[in-house]
């Protein structure tokens, strides 16, 4: 069988942890940061673990992840 192709856009946005969960960064932390509160920016800077239903679809696009 041929090798499976990894979806490169998914590879850049998501990371699979050691326990097999899927992690991603939150949005809205790239620009226009001056009017956002520091607590909001702190909350956005932390990663997010996806739910199992969403993670199942992401793992299909990362066959060797």
C-alpha atoms as a PDB file:
ATOM      1  CA  UNK A   1       0.000   0.000   0.000  1.00  0.00           C
ATOM      2  CA  UNK A   2       1.216   3.553  -0.657  1.00  0.00           C
ATOM      3  CA  UNK A   3       2.038   5.959   2.118  1.00  0.00           C
ATOM      4  CA  UNK A   4      -0.790   8.098   3.467  1.00  0.00           C
ATOM      5  CA  UNK A   5      -0.503  11.847   3.020  1.00  0.00           C
ATOM      6  CA  UNK A   6      -0.574  14.119   6.047  1.00  0.00           C
ATOM      7  CA  UNK A   7      -2.827  17.163   5.776  1.00  0.00           C
ATOM      8  CA  UNK A   8      -0.264  19.964   6.144  1.00  0.00           C
ATOM      9  CA  UNK A   9      -2.736  22.632   7.276  1.00  0.00           C
ATOM     10  CA  UNK A  10      -3.897  20.375  10.120  1.00  0.00           C
ATOM     11  CA  UNK A  11      -0.302  19.523  11.003  1.00  0.00           C
ATOM     12  CA  UNK A  12       0.449  23.245  11.514  1.00  0.00           C
ATOM     13  CA  UNK A  13      -2.622  23.887  13.695  1.00  0.00           C
ATOM     14  CA  UNK A  14      -2.902  20.821  15.924  1.00  0.00           C
ATOM     15  CA  UNK A  15      -0.575  18.694  18.037  1.00  0.00           C
ATOM     16  CA  UNK A  16      -1.166  15.204  19.374  1.00  0.00           C
ATOM     17  CA  UNK A  17      -0.102  14.800  23.001  1.00  0.00           C
ATOM     18  CA  UNK A  18       1.628  11.775  24.442  1.00  0.00           C
ATOM     19  CA  UNK A  19      -1.648  10.394  25.759  1.00  0.00           C
ATOM     20  CA  UNK A  20      -3.274  10.735  22.313  1.00  0.00           C
ATOM     21  CA  UNK A  21      -5.337  13.866  22.928  1.00  0.00           C
ATOM     22  CA  UNK A  22      -5.435  16.668  20.357  1.00  0.00           C
ATOM     23  CA  UNK A  23      -4.272  20.128  21.396  1.00  0.00           C
ATOM     24  CA  UNK A  24      -4.708  23.476  19.616  1.00  0.00           C
ATOM     25  CA  UNK A  25      -4.063  27.158  20.196  1.00  0.00           C
ATOM     26  CA  UNK A  26      -6.921  29.587  20.668  1.00  0.00           C
ATOM     27  CA  UNK A  27      -7.699  32.345  18.162  1.00  0.00           C
ATOM     28  CA  UNK A  28      -7.767  36.169  18.583  1.00  0.00           C
ATOM     29  CA  UNK A  29      -4.233  36.616  19.914  1.00  0.00           C
ATOM     30  CA  UNK A  30      -2.445  37.841  16.760  1.00  0.00           C
ATOM     31  CA  UNK A  31      -3.182  41.572  16.538  1.00  0.00           C
ATOM     32  CA  UNK A  32      -5.344  44.352  18.023  1.00  0.00           C
ATOM     33  CA  UNK A  33      -4.166  43.333  21.485  1.00  0.00           C
ATOM     34  CA  UNK A  34      -4.030  46.792  23.067  1.00  0.00           C
ATOM     35  CA  UNK A  35      -7.744  46.972  23.889  1.00  0.00           C
ATOM     36  CA  UNK A  36      -8.008  43.396  25.175  1.00  0.00           C
ATOM     37  CA  UNK A  37      -7.653  42.908  28.913  1.00  0.00           C
ATOM     38  CA  UNK A  38      -4.620  41.091  30.264  1.00  0.00           C
ATOM     39  CA  UNK A  39      -6.837  38.397  31.780  1.00  0.00           C
ATOM     40  CA  UNK A  40      -8.430  37.781  28.397  1.00  0.00           C
ATOM     41  CA  UNK A  41      -5.021  37.587  26.701  1.00  0.00           C
ATOM     42  CA  UNK A  42      -3.810  35.200  29.373  1.00  0.00           C
ATOM     43  CA  UNK A  43      -6.854  32.995  28.870  1.00  0.00           C
ATOM     44  CA  UNK A  44      -6.324  32.978  25.104  1.00  0.00           C
ATOM     45  CA  UNK A  45      -2.635  32.110  25.361  1.00  0.00           C
ATOM     46  CA  UNK A  46      -3.336  28.771  27.009  1.00  0.00           C
ATOM     47  CA  UNK A  47      -3.906  25.795  24.753  1.00  0.00           C
ATOM     48  CA  UNK A  48      -7.136  23.886  24.392  1.00  0.00           C
ATOM     49  CA  UNK A  49      -7.751  20.122  24.385  1.00  0.00           C
ATOM     50  CA  UNK A  50     -10.330  19.084  21.789  1.00  0.00           C
ATOM     51  CA  UNK A  51     -13.293  16.877  22.596  1.00  0.00           C
ATOM     52  CA  UNK A  52     -13.121  13.250  21.486  1.00  0.00           C
ATOM     53  CA  UNK A  53     -15.644  13.744  18.667  1.00  0.00           C
ATOM     54  CA  UNK A  54     -13.629  16.589  17.141  1.00  0.00           C
ATOM     55  CA  UNK A  55     -10.297  14.870  17.785  1.00  0.00           C
ATOM     56  CA  UNK A  56     -11.403  11.788  15.854  1.00  0.00           C
ATOM     57  CA  UNK A  57     -11.701  13.834  12.651  1.00  0.00           C
ATOM     58  CA  UNK A  58      -8.342  15.546  13.198  1.00  0.00           C
ATOM     59  CA  UNK A  59      -6.549  12.234  13.791  1.00  0.00           C
ATOM     60  CA  UNK A  60      -7.749  10.946  10.417  1.00  0.00           C
ATOM     61  CA  UNK A  61      -5.910  13.836   8.756  1.00  0.00           C
ATOM     62  CA  UNK A  62      -2.732  13.122  10.751  1.00  0.00           C
ATOM     63  CA  UNK A  63      -2.109   9.439  10.022  1.00  0.00           C
ATOM     64  CA  UNK A  64       1.420   9.389  11.503  1.00  0.00           C
ATOM     65  CA  UNK A  65       0.819  11.874  14.337  1.00  0.00           C
END
